[in-house]
PDB file of N, CA and C in Angstrom:
ATOM      1  N   MET A   1      29.263 160.463  71.334  1.00  0.00           N
ATOM      2  CA  MET A   1      28.594 160.622  69.722  1.00  0.00           C
ATOM      3  C   MET A   1      27.197 159.716  69.713  1.00  0.00           C
ATOM      4  N   ASP A   2      26.105 160.122  68.908  1.00  0.00           N
ATOM      5  CA  ASP A   2      25.221 158.708  69.112  1.00  0.00           C
ATOM      6  C   ASP A   2      25.116 158.281  67.556  1.00  0.00           C
ATOM      7  N   THR A   3      24.543 157.271  67.872  1.00  0.00           N
ATOM      8  CA  THR A   3      24.048 156.236  66.428  1.00  0.00           C
ATOM      9  C   THR A   3      23.980 157.025  65.179  1.00  0.00           C
ATOM     10  N   GLU A   4      22.779 158.175  64.961  1.00  0.00           N
ATOM     11  CA  GLU A   4      22.580 158.797  63.974  1.00  0.00           C
ATOM     12  C   GLU A   4      23.296 159.949  63.477  1.00  0.00           C
ATOM     13  N   THR A   5      24.169 160.453  64.435  1.00  0.00           N
ATOM     14  CA  THR A   5      25.733 161.555  64.036  1.00  0.00           C
ATOM     15  C   THR A   5      26.374 160.439  63.561  1.00  0.00           C
ATOM     16  N   PHE A   6      26.892 159.248  64.135  1.00  0.00           N
ATOM     17  CA  PHE A   6      27.593 158.751  63.663  1.00  0.00           C
ATOM     18  C   PHE A   6      27.549 158.195  61.984  1.00  0.00           C
ATOM     19  N   LEU A   7      26.287 157.601  61.900  1.00  0.00           N
ATOM     20  CA  LEU A   7      26.375 157.145  60.304  1.00  0.00           C
ATOM     21  C   LEU A   7      26.106 158.114  59.888  1.00  0.00           C
ATOM     22  N   ALA A   8      25.662 159.378  60.267  1.00  0.00           N
ATOM     23  CA  ALA A   8      25.780 160.594  59.187  1.00  0.00           C
ATOM     24  C   ALA A   8      27.114 161.378  58.728  1.00  0.00           C
ATOM     25  N   THR A   9      27.967 160.864  59.366  1.00  0.00           N
ATOM     26  CA  THR A   9      29.498 161.781  59.674  1.00  0.00           C
ATOM     27  C   THR A   9      30.395 160.690  58.927  1.00  0.00           C
ATOM     28  N   ALA A  10      31.278 161.324  57.491  1.00  0.00           N
ATOM     29  CA  ALA A  10      32.366 159.956  57.682  1.00  0.00           C
ATOM     30  C   ALA A  10      33.415 159.818  58.367  1.00  0.00           C
ATOM     31  N   PRO A  11      33.678 158.378  58.179  1.00  0.00           N
ATOM     32  CA  PRO A  11      34.292 157.946  59.527  1.00  0.00           C
ATOM     33  C   PRO A  11      36.140 158.262  60.033  1.00  0.00           C
ATOM     34  N   ASP A  12      36.730 159.006  59.182  1.00  0.00           N
ATOM     35  CA  ASP A  12      38.044 159.115  59.052  1.00  0.00           C
ATOM     36  C   ASP A  12      38.234 159.786  60.280  1.00  0.00           C
ATOM     37  N   GLY A  13      39.241 159.458  60.927  1.00  0.00           N
ATOM     38  CA  GLY A  13      39.830 159.530  62.221  1.00  0.00           C
ATOM     39  C   GLY A  13      38.976 158.669  63.168  1.00  0.00           C
ATOM     40  N   GLU A  14      38.376 158.111  63.086  1.00  0.00           N
ATOM     41  CA  GLU A  14      37.513 156.875  64.106  1.00  0.00           C
ATOM     42  C   GLU A  14      38.206 155.705  63.910  1.00  0.00           C
ATOM     43  N   SER A  15      38.169 154.367  64.806  1.00  0.00           N
ATOM     44  CA  SER A  15      39.131 153.237  65.059  1.00  0.00           C
ATOM     45  C   SER A  15      38.650 152.856  63.510  1.00  0.00           C
ATOM     46  N   GLN A  16      39.564 151.883  63.413  1.00  0.00           N
ATOM     47  CA  GLN A  16      39.668 150.594  62.364  1.00  0.00           C
ATOM     48  C   GLN A  16      38.103 150.175  62.418  1.00  0.00           C
ATOM     49  N   ALA A  17      37.764 149.718  63.595  1.00  0.00           N
ATOM     50  CA  ALA A  17      36.546 148.973  63.927  1.00  0.00           C
ATOM     51  C   ALA A  17      35.842 150.100  64.195  1.00  0.00           C
ATOM     52  N   LEU A  18      35.449 151.116  64.470  1.00  0.00           N
ATOM     53  CA  LEU A  18      34.241 152.104  64.392  1.00  0.00           C
ATOM     54  C   LEU A  18      34.164 152.092  62.795  1.00  0.00           C
ATOM     55  N   GLN A  19      35.255 152.712  61.550  1.00  0.00           N
ATOM     56  CA  GLN A  19      35.675 152.538  60.368  1.00  0.00           C
ATOM     57  C   GLN A  19      34.443 151.319  59.778  1.00  0.00           C
ATOM     58  N   ALA A  20      34.676 150.501  59.949  1.00  0.00           N
ATOM     59  CA  ALA A  20      34.002 149.288  59.288  1.00  0.00           C
ATOM     60  C   ALA A  20      33.114 148.956  59.783  1.00  0.00           C
ATOM     61  N   LEU A  21      32.436 149.092  60.844  1.00  0.00           N
ATOM     62  CA  LEU A  21      31.281 149.182  61.062  1.00  0.00           C
ATOM     63  C   LEU A  21      30.536 150.074  60.301  1.00  0.00           C
ATOM     64  N   TRP A  22      31.203 151.222  60.218  1.00  0.00           N
ATOM     65  CA  TRP A  22      30.255 152.334  59.205  1.00  0.00           C
ATOM     66  C   TRP A  22      30.159 151.695  58.194  1.00  0.00           C
ATOM     67  N   TRP A  23      31.328 151.080  56.932  1.00  0.00           N
ATOM     68  CA  TRP A  23      31.426 151.107  55.907  1.00  0.00           C
ATOM     69  C   TRP A  23      30.745 149.696  55.761  1.00  0.00           C
ATOM     70  N   GLU A  24      30.291 148.839  56.715  1.00  0.00           N
ATOM     71  CA  GLU A  24      29.260 147.777  55.965  1.00  0.00           C
ATOM     72  C   GLU A  24      27.941 148.335  56.223  1.00  0.00           C
ATOM     73  N   LYS A  25      27.806 149.098  57.108  1.00  0.00           N
ATOM     74  CA  LYS A  25      26.032 149.748  57.292  1.00  0.00           C
ATOM     75  C   LYS A  25      26.161 150.679  55.983  1.00  0.00           C
ATOM     76  N   LYS A  26      26.918 151.008  55.016  1.00  0.00           N
ATOM     77  CA  LYS A  26      26.543 151.605  53.684  1.00  0.00           C
ATOM     78  C   LYS A  26      26.880 150.571  52.889  1.00  0.00           C
ATOM     79  N   GLY A  27      26.786 149.531  53.299  1.00  0.00           N
ATOM     80  CA  GLY A  27      26.757 148.452  52.234  1.00  0.00           C
ATOM     81  C   GLY A  27      28.059 148.128  51.527  1.00  0.00           C
ATOM     82  N   ASP A  28      29.385 148.296  51.763  1.00  0.00           N
ATOM     83  CA  ASP A  28      30.657 147.751  51.865  1.00  0.00           C
ATOM     84  C   ASP A  28      31.247 147.000  52.682  1.00  0.00           C
ATOM     85  N   TRP A  29      30.651 145.562  52.035  1.00  0.00           N
ATOM     86  CA  TRP A  29      30.967 144.408  53.225  1.00  0.00           C
ATOM     87  C   TRP A  29      33.199 144.269  53.027  1.00  0.00           C
ATOM     88  N   ASP A  30      33.123 144.489  51.791  1.00  0.00           N
ATOM     89  CA  ASP A  30      34.567 143.956  51.487  1.00  0.00           C
ATOM     90  C   ASP A  30      35.915 145.100  52.385  1.00  0.00           C
ATOM     91  N   ARG A  31      35.020 146.538  51.839  1.00  0.00           N
ATOM     92  CA  ARG A  31      35.997 147.413  52.601  1.00  0.00           C
ATOM     93  C   ARG A  31      36.110 147.587  54.185  1.00  0.00           C
ATOM     94  N   ALA A  32      35.281 147.027  54.404  1.00  0.00           N
ATOM     95  CA  ALA A  32      34.897 147.094  55.832  1.00  0.00           C
ATOM     96  C   ALA A  32      35.734 146.191  56.745  1.00  0.00           C
ATOM     97  N   HIS A  33      35.695 144.640  55.792  1.00  0.00           N
ATOM     98  CA  HIS A  33      36.418 143.451  56.520  1.00  0.00           C
ATOM     99  C   HIS A  33      38.269 143.850  56.190  1.00  0.00           C
ATOM    100  N   LYS A  34      38.449 144.227  54.881  1.00  0.00           N
ATOM    101  CA  LYS A  34      39.779 145.119  55.087  1.00  0.00           C
ATOM    102  C   LYS A  34      40.344 145.963  55.996  1.00  0.00           C
ATOM    103  N   LEU A  35      39.646 146.745  56.437  1.00  0.00           N
ATOM    104  CA  LEU A  35      40.144 147.174  57.495  1.00  0.00           C
ATOM    105  C   LEU A  35      40.373 146.467  58.753  1.00  0.00           C
ATOM    106  N   LEU A  36      40.602 145.796  58.755  1.00  0.00           N
ATOM    107  CA  LEU A  36      40.037 144.824  60.690  1.00  0.00           C
ATOM    108  C   LEU A  36      41.146 143.669  60.348  1.00  0.00           C
ATOM    109  N   GLN A  37      42.054 144.012  59.357  1.00  0.00           N
ATOM    110  CA  GLN A  37      43.151 142.892  59.117  1.00  0.00           C
ATOM    111  C   GLN A  37      43.878 142.678  60.543  1.00  0.00           C
ATOM    112  N   ALA A  38      44.372 144.113  61.265  1.00  0.00           N
ATOM    113  CA  ALA A  38      45.491 144.227  62.273  1.00  0.00           C
ATOM    114  C   ALA A  38      44.129 143.805  63.588  1.00  0.00           C
ATOM    115  N   SER A  39      44.571 142.708  64.059  1.00  0.00           N
ATOM    116  CA  SER A  39      44.190 142.024  65.502  1.00  0.00           C
ATOM    117  C   SER A  39      43.921 143.004  66.833  1.00  0.00           C
ATOM    118  N   THR A  40      42.952 143.482  66.984  1.00  0.00           N
ATOM    119  CA  THR A  40      42.714 143.821  68.485  1.00  0.00           C
ATOM    120  C   THR A  40      41.269 143.319  68.870  1.00  0.00           C
ATOM    121  N   PRO A  41      41.417 143.250  69.797  1.00  0.00           N
ATOM    122  CA  PRO A  41      40.117 142.675  70.562  1.00  0.00           C
ATOM    123  C   PRO A  41      38.568 143.671  69.987  1.00  0.00           C
ATOM    124  N   ASP A  42      38.738 144.844  69.985  1.00  0.00           N
ATOM    125  CA  ASP A  42      37.502 145.926  69.433  1.00  0.00           C
ATOM    126  C   ASP A  42      37.911 145.260  67.565  1.00  0.00           C
ATOM    127  N   ASN A  43      39.108 145.120  67.172  1.00  0.00           N
ATOM    128  CA  ASN A  43      38.688 144.463  65.450  1.00  0.00           C
ATOM    129  C   ASN A  43      38.265 142.704  65.179  1.00  0.00           C
ATOM    130  N   ASP A  44      38.744 142.338  66.022  1.00  0.00           N
ATOM    131  CA  ASP A  44      38.501 141.052  66.284  1.00  0.00           C
ATOM    132  C   ASP A  44      36.592 140.889  66.486  1.00  0.00           C
ATOM    133  N   TRP A  45      36.115 141.658  67.471  1.00  0.00           N
ATOM    134  CA  TRP A  45      34.833 141.798  67.891  1.00  0.00           C
ATOM    135  C   TRP A  45      33.791 141.980  66.568  1.00  0.00           C
ATOM    136  N   VAL A  46      34.030 143.210  65.522  1.00  0.00           N
ATOM    137  CA  VAL A  46      34.026 143.512  64.147  1.00  0.00           C
ATOM    138  C   VAL A  46      33.933 142.519  63.173  1.00  0.00           C
ATOM    139  N   HIS A  47      35.487 142.137  63.338  1.00  0.00           N
ATOM    140  CA  HIS A  47      35.626 140.948  62.425  1.00  0.00           C
ATOM    141  C   HIS A  47      34.584 139.486  62.591  1.00  0.00           C
ATOM    142  N   ALA A  48      34.083 139.282  64.016  1.00  0.00           N
ATOM    143  CA  ALA A  48      33.492 138.222  63.711  1.00  0.00           C
ATOM    144  C   ALA A  48      32.259 138.600  63.584  1.00  0.00           C
ATOM    145  N   TYR A  49      31.319 140.029  63.642  1.00  0.00           N
ATOM    146  CA  TYR A  49      30.464 139.926  63.460  1.00  0.00           C
ATOM    147  C   TYR A  49      30.458 140.048  61.875  1.00  0.00           C
ATOM    148  N   LEU A  50      31.045 140.532  61.204  1.00  0.00           N
ATOM    149  CA  LEU A  50      31.310 140.788  59.715  1.00  0.00           C
ATOM    150  C   LEU A  50      31.326 138.834  58.875  1.00  0.00           C
ATOM    151  N   HIS A  51      31.852 138.093  59.967  1.00  0.00           N
ATOM    152  CA  HIS A  51      31.272 136.794  59.218  1.00  0.00           C
ATOM    153  C   HIS A  51      30.247 135.988  59.763  1.00  0.00           C
ATOM    154  N   ARG A  52      29.816 137.066  60.306  1.00  0.00           N
ATOM    155  CA  ARG A  52      28.196 136.624  60.997  1.00  0.00           C
ATOM    156  C   ARG A  52      26.887 137.264  59.608  1.00  0.00           C
ATOM    157  N   VAL A  53      27.548 138.377  59.486  1.00  0.00           N
ATOM    158  CA  VAL A  53      26.943 138.858  57.982  1.00  0.00           C
ATOM    159  C   VAL A  53      26.841 137.866  57.122  1.00  0.00           C
ATOM    160  N   GLU A  54      27.798 137.428  56.803  1.00  0.00           N
ATOM    161  CA  GLU A  54      28.647 136.925  55.638  1.00  0.00           C
ATOM    162  C   GLU A  54      27.471 135.783  55.219  1.00  0.00           C
ATOM    163  N   GLY A  55      27.576 134.946  56.676  1.00  0.00           N
ATOM    164  CA  GLY A  55      26.920 133.789  56.813  1.00  0.00           C
ATOM    165  C   GLY A  55      27.901 132.652  56.843  1.00  0.00           C
ATOM    166  N   ASP A  56      29.446 132.934  57.367  1.00  0.00           N
ATOM    167  CA  ASP A  56      30.051 132.162  57.344  1.00  0.00           C
ATOM    168  C   ASP A  56      30.164 131.844  59.206  1.00  0.00           C
ATOM    169  N   LEU A  57      29.494 130.794  59.655  1.00  0.00           N
ATOM    170  CA  LEU A  57      29.543 130.702  61.179  1.00  0.00           C
ATOM    171  C   LEU A  57      30.646 130.414  61.930  1.00  0.00           C
ATOM    172  N   SER A  58      31.503 129.572  61.331  1.00  0.00           N
ATOM    173  CA  SER A  58      31.897 128.736  61.693  1.00  0.00           C
ATOM    174  C   SER A  58      33.486 129.996  62.044  1.00  0.00           C
ATOM    175  N   ASN A  59      33.699 130.726  60.958  1.00  0.00           N
ATOM    176  CA  ASN A  59      34.799 131.533  60.486  1.00  0.00           C
ATOM    177  C   ASN A  59      34.263 132.627  62.019  1.00  0.00           C
ATOM    178  N   ALA A  60      33.088 133.250  62.014  1.00  0.00           N
ATOM    179  CA  ALA A  60      32.768 133.669  62.901  1.00  0.00           C
ATOM    180  C   ALA A  60      33.207 133.401  64.291  1.00  0.00           C
ATOM    181  N   GLY A  61      32.848 132.247  64.602  1.00  0.00           N
ATOM    182  CA  GLY A  61      33.097 132.023  65.837  1.00  0.00           C
ATOM    183  C   GLY A  61      34.520 131.739  66.347  1.00  0.00           C
ATOM    184  N   TYR A  62      35.530 131.548  65.477  1.00  0.00           N
ATOM    185  CA  TYR A  62      37.001 132.107  65.479  1.00  0.00           C
ATOM    186  C   TYR A  62      36.926 133.417  66.249  1.00  0.00           C
ATOM    187  N   TRP A  63      36.148 134.409  65.382  1.00  0.00           N
ATOM    188  CA  TRP A  63      36.881 135.879  65.766  1.00  0.00           C
ATOM    189  C   TRP A  63      36.163 135.663  66.965  1.00  0.00           C
ATOM    190  N   TYR A  64      34.801 135.413  67.487  1.00  0.00           N
ATOM    191  CA  TYR A  64      34.265 135.777  68.490  1.00  0.00           C
ATOM    192  C   TYR A  64      35.449 135.319  69.628  1.00  0.00           C
ATOM    193  N   ARG A  65      35.780 133.967  69.515  1.00  0.00           N
ATOM    194  CA  ARG A  65      36.906 133.334  70.393  1.00  0.00           C
ATOM    195  C   ARG A  65      38.144 134.455  70.535  1.00  0.00           C
ATOM    196  N   ARG A  66      38.868 134.645  69.595  1.00  0.00           N
ATOM    197  CA  ARG A  66      39.789 135.805  69.775  1.00  0.00           C
ATOM    198  C   ARG A  66      39.263 137.110  70.153  1.00  0.00           C
ATOM    199  N   ALA A  67      38.002 137.739  70.460  1.00  0.00           N
ATOM    200  CA  ALA A  67      37.659 138.652  70.640  1.00  0.00           C
ATOM    201  C   ALA A  67      37.012 138.622  72.192  1.00  0.00           C
ATOM    202  N   LYS A  68      36.929 137.539  72.980  1.00  0.00           N
ATOM    203  CA  LYS A  68      36.710 136.964  73.912  1.00  0.00           C
ATOM    204  C   LYS A  68      35.359 137.359  74.262  1.00  0.00           C
ATOM    205  N   ARG A  69      34.383 136.878  73.289  1.00  0.00           N
ATOM    206  CA  ARG A  69      33.283 137.687  73.158  1.00  0.00           C
ATOM    207  C   ARG A  69      32.333 135.995  73.001  1.00  0.00           C
ATOM    208  N   PRO A  70      31.301 135.771  73.580  1.00  0.00           N
ATOM    209  CA  PRO A  70      30.245 134.832  73.179  1.00  0.00           C
ATOM    210  C   PRO A  70      29.764 135.324  72.009  1.00  0.00           C
ATOM    211  N   VAL A  71      28.942 134.433  70.958  1.00  0.00           N
ATOM    212  CA  VAL A  71      28.448 134.317  70.277  1.00  0.00           C
ATOM    213  C   VAL A  71      27.174 134.288  69.928  1.00  0.00           C
ATOM    214  N   PRO A  72      27.039 135.995  69.533  1.00  0.00           N
ATOM    215  CA  PRO A  72      25.577 136.628  69.926  1.00  0.00           C
ATOM    216  C   PRO A  72      24.358 135.355  69.939  1.00  0.00           C
ATOM    217  N   GLU A  73      23.454 135.402  70.137  1.00  0.00           N
ATOM    218  CA  GLU A  73      21.945 134.869  69.721  1.00  0.00           C
ATOM    219  C   GLU A  73      21.089 136.075  69.464  1.00  0.00           C
ATOM    220  N   GLN A  74      21.666 137.333  69.382  1.00  0.00           N
ATOM    221  CA  GLN A  74      20.356 138.485  69.263  1.00  0.00           C
ATOM    222  C   GLN A  74      20.746 138.765  67.320  1.00  0.00           C
ATOM    223  N   SER A  75      19.726 139.401  66.497  1.00  0.00           N
ATOM    224  CA  SER A  75      19.838 139.509  65.354  1.00  0.00           C
ATOM    225  C   SER A  75      21.007 140.213  65.173  1.00  0.00           C
ATOM    226  N   LEU A  76      21.290 140.316  63.669  1.00  0.00           N
ATOM    227  CA  LEU A  76      22.887 141.475  63.100  1.00  0.00           C
ATOM    228  C   LEU A  76      22.526 142.866  63.775  1.00  0.00           C
ATOM    229  N   ALA A  77      21.211 142.960  63.293  1.00  0.00           N
ATOM    230  CA  ALA A  77      20.941 144.418  63.528  1.00  0.00           C
ATOM    231  C   ALA A  77      21.078 145.010  65.049  1.00  0.00           C
ATOM    232  N   ALA A  78      20.549 143.956  66.132  1.00  0.00           N
ATOM    233  CA  ALA A  78      20.541 144.175  67.341  1.00  0.00           C
ATOM    234  C   ALA A  78      22.261 144.102  67.446  1.00  0.00           C
ATOM    235  N   GLU A  79      22.929 142.959  66.914  1.00  0.00           N
ATOM    236  CA  GLU A  79      24.602 143.128  67.606  1.00  0.00           C
ATOM    237  C   GLU A  79      25.003 144.698  67.039  1.00  0.00           C
ATOM    238  N   TRP A  80      24.364 144.862  65.711  1.00  0.00           N
ATOM    239  CA  TRP A  80      25.096 145.989  65.244  1.00  0.00           C
ATOM    240  C   TRP A  80      25.249 146.910  66.106  1.00  0.00           C
ATOM    241  N   GLN A  81      24.246 147.277  66.384  1.00  0.00           N
ATOM    242  CA  GLN A  81      23.740 148.487  67.823  1.00  0.00           C
ATOM    243  C   GLN A  81      24.448 148.278  69.071  1.00  0.00           C
ATOM    244  N   ALA A  82      24.320 146.964  69.595  1.00  0.00           N
ATOM    245  CA  ALA A  82      25.509 146.593  70.674  1.00  0.00           C
ATOM    246  C   ALA A  82      26.825 147.134  70.517  1.00  0.00           C
ATOM    247  N   ILE A  83      27.543 146.926  69.437  1.00  0.00           N
ATOM    248  CA  ILE A  83      28.959 146.999  69.417  1.00  0.00           C
ATOM    249  C   ILE A  83      28.972 148.332  68.919  1.00  0.00           C
ATOM    250  N   ILE A  84      28.409 149.090  68.226  1.00  0.00           N
ATOM    251  CA  ILE A  84      28.529 150.584  67.924  1.00  0.00           C
ATOM    252  C   ILE A  84      28.154 151.129  69.394  1.00  0.00           C
ATOM    253  N   SER A  85      27.045 150.841  69.966  1.00  0.00           N
ATOM    254  CA  SER A  85      26.989 151.726  71.379  1.00  0.00           C
ATOM    255  C   SER A  85      28.228 151.409  72.363  1.00  0.00           C
ATOM    256  N   GLU A  86      28.492 150.617  72.274  1.00  0.00           N
ATOM    257  CA  GLU A  86      29.837 150.231  73.303  1.00  0.00           C
ATOM    258  C   GLU A  86      31.017 150.826  72.660  1.00  0.00           C
ATOM    259  N   LEU A  87      31.473 151.013  71.725  1.00  0.00           N
ATOM    260  CA  LEU A  87      32.604 151.543  71.396  1.00  0.00           C
ATOM    261  C   LEU A  87      32.485 153.353  71.112  1.00  0.00           C
ATOM    262  N   LEU A  88      31.381 153.431  70.699  1.00  0.00           N
ATOM    263  CA  LEU A  88      31.074 154.675  71.017  1.00  0.00           C
ATOM    264  C   LEU A  88      31.210 155.327  72.256  1.00  0.00           C
ATOM    265  N   ALA A  89      30.757 154.620  73.215  1.00  0.00           N
ATOM    266  CA  ALA A  89      30.702 154.972  74.449  1.00  0.00           C
ATOM    267  C   ALA A  89      31.887 154.843  74.802  1.00  0.00           C
ATOM    268  N   ALA A  90      33.156 154.278  74.425  1.00  0.00           N
ATOM    269  CA  ALA A  90      34.338 153.603  74.982  1.00  0.00           C
ATOM    270  C   ALA A  90      34.991 154.714  74.593  1.00  0.00           C
ATOM    271  N   GLY A  91      34.967 155.554  73.543  1.00  0.00           N
ATOM    272  CA  GLY A  91      35.416 156.780  72.635  1.00  0.00           C
ATOM    273  C   GLY A  91      34.932 157.899  73.287  1.00  0.00           C
ATOM    274  N   ASP A  92      33.893 158.210  74.417  1.00  0.00           N
ATOM    275  CA  ASP A  92      33.750 159.301  74.795  1.00  0.00           C
ATOM    276  C   ASP A  92      34.841 159.925  76.050  1.00  0.00           C
TER     277      ASP A  92
END
């Protein structure tokens, strides 16, 4: 599935990480954050991203470490695209 199709489709049946990215992109940060309470590498990565969106860089750093991912230097939009591309490719 490509990003455009993903965004046009309700996230039911997708992983929690993908659902969270969908809800964040639709403007519901709180709903996205609530989806990520179970710790998995993908959830932790998206959790980190959400705290970066929120501007809580200290908390974001904690979640990037848990996800074993570097803190990105790219824009939020570029990071969102990188995460979604990797997660969608993993689901193919």
